[in-house]
Amino acid sequence: MPEVTKQELLRKAVERIGLSEVALALRSPPELVSAWISGHAAMPDRMLLMLADFLDALGRPEKG
């Protein structure tokens, strides 16, 4: 997947729930997540999968 697409997904996630929550979900330092967004570092594909799983879980209604 192109880095630009990964960056856009990360940006949208950060806009929705905040940098610290995205970093926590990806088990990565916020500084690294910021570097991925800015293009100063390449986001590994495995992190993209974690992000997709996390965003999918956010979109599901809570059971209870």
C-alpha atoms as a PDB file:
ATOM      1  CA  MET A   1       0.000   0.000   0.000  1.00  0.00           C
ATOM      2  CA  PRO A   2       1.355   3.457  -0.816  1.00  0.00           C
ATOM      3  CA  GLU A   3       2.763   5.406   2.117  1.00  0.00           C
ATOM      4  CA  VAL A   4       0.410   8.299   1.312  1.00  0.00           C
ATOM      5  CA  THR A   5      -2.583   6.043   1.943  1.00  0.00           C
ATOM      6  CA  LYS A   6      -1.128   4.861   5.254  1.00  0.00           C
ATOM      7  CA  GLN A   7      -0.456   8.471   6.247  1.00  0.00           C
ATOM      8  CA  GLU A   8      -4.042   9.464   5.447  1.00  0.00           C
ATOM      9  CA  LEU A   9      -5.476   6.592   7.499  1.00  0.00           C
ATOM     10  CA  LEU A  10      -3.259   7.558  10.418  1.00  0.00           C
ATOM     11  CA  ARG A  11      -4.265  11.226  10.116  1.00  0.00           C
ATOM     12  CA  LYS A  12      -7.945  10.318  10.153  1.00  0.00           C
ATOM     13  CA  ALA A  13      -7.483   8.051  13.161  1.00  0.00           C
ATOM     14  CA  VAL A  14      -5.616  10.781  15.053  1.00  0.00           C
ATOM     15  CA  GLU A  15      -8.309  13.336  14.174  1.00  0.00           C
ATOM     16  CA  ARG A  16     -10.965  10.967  15.460  1.00  0.00           C
ATOM     17  CA  ILE A  17      -9.424   9.706  18.702  1.00  0.00           C
ATOM     18  CA  GLY A  18      -6.140  11.532  19.272  1.00  0.00           C
ATOM     19  CA  LEU A  19      -2.455  10.782  18.841  1.00  0.00           C
ATOM     20  CA  SER A  20      -1.940   9.168  22.230  1.00  0.00           C
ATOM     21  CA  GLU A  21      -4.808   6.704  21.704  1.00  0.00           C
ATOM     22  CA  VAL A  22      -3.572   5.735  18.239  1.00  0.00           C
ATOM     23  CA  ALA A  23      -0.044   5.293  19.560  1.00  0.00           C
ATOM     24  CA  LEU A  24      -1.340   3.149  22.407  1.00  0.00           C
ATOM     25  CA  ALA A  25      -3.364   0.990  20.008  1.00  0.00           C
ATOM     26  CA  LEU A  26      -0.300   0.504  17.796  1.00  0.00           C
ATOM     27  CA  ARG A  27       1.995  -0.047  20.768  1.00  0.00           C
ATOM     28  CA  SER A  28       4.306   2.622  19.390  1.00  0.00           C
ATOM     29  CA  PRO A  29       5.640   5.902  20.787  1.00  0.00           C
ATOM     30  CA  PRO A  30       3.601   8.960  19.766  1.00  0.00           C
ATOM     31  CA  GLU A  31       6.754  10.454  18.230  1.00  0.00           C
ATOM     32  CA  LEU A  32       7.029   7.487  15.877  1.00  0.00           C
ATOM     33  CA  VAL A  33       3.370   7.721  14.893  1.00  0.00           C
ATOM     34  CA  SER A  34       3.922  11.421  14.142  1.00  0.00           C
ATOM     35  CA  ALA A  35       6.948  10.503  12.006  1.00  0.00           C
ATOM     36  CA  TRP A  36       4.805   8.026  10.059  1.00  0.00           C
ATOM     37  CA  ILE A  37       2.156  10.690   9.478  1.00  0.00           C
ATOM     38  CA  SER A  38       4.679  13.282   8.327  1.00  0.00           C
ATOM     39  CA  GLY A  39       6.478  10.817   6.074  1.00  0.00           C
ATOM     40  CA  HIS A  40       9.743  11.021   8.004  1.00  0.00           C
ATOM     41  CA  ALA A  41       9.514   7.276   8.676  1.00  0.00           C
ATOM     42  CA  ALA A  42       7.819   4.451   6.805  1.00  0.00           C
ATOM     43  CA  MET A  43       4.965   2.707   8.588  1.00  0.00           C
ATOM     44  CA  PRO A  44       5.417  -1.087   8.496  1.00  0.00           C
ATOM     45  CA  ASP A  45       2.582  -3.040   6.881  1.00  0.00           C
ATOM     46  CA  ARG A  46       2.008  -4.970  10.118  1.00  0.00           C
ATOM     47  CA  MET A  47       1.188  -1.662  11.825  1.00  0.00           C
ATOM     48  CA  LEU A  48      -1.321  -0.917   9.088  1.00  0.00           C
ATOM     49  CA  LEU A  49      -3.051  -4.195   9.890  1.00  0.00           C
ATOM     50  CA  MET A  50      -3.119  -3.292  13.592  1.00  0.00           C
ATOM     51  CA  LEU A  51      -4.566   0.124  12.722  1.00  0.00           C
ATOM     52  CA  ALA A  52      -7.238  -1.438  10.516  1.00  0.00           C
ATOM     53  CA  ASP A  53      -8.235  -3.878  13.273  1.00  0.00           C
ATOM     54  CA  PHE A  54      -8.364  -1.062  15.811  1.00  0.00           C
ATOM     55  CA  LEU A  55     -10.477   1.202  13.597  1.00  0.00           C
ATOM     56  CA  ASP A  56     -12.794  -1.690  12.797  1.00  0.00           C
ATOM     57  CA  ALA A  57     -13.293  -2.343  16.505  1.00  0.00           C
ATOM     58  CA  LEU A  58     -14.081   1.350  17.081  1.00  0.00           C
ATOM     59  CA  GLY A  59     -16.794   1.216  14.453  1.00  0.00           C
ATOM     60  CA  ARG A  60     -18.586  -1.772  15.987  1.00  0.00           C
ATOM     61  CA  PRO A  61     -21.454  -1.145  18.386  1.00  0.00           C
ATOM     62  CA  GLU A  62     -20.745  -2.079  21.979  1.00  0.00           C
ATOM     63  CA  LYS A  63     -22.424  -5.181  23.344  1.00  0.00           C
ATOM     64  CA  GLY A  64     -24.145  -4.916  26.627  1.00  0.00           C
END
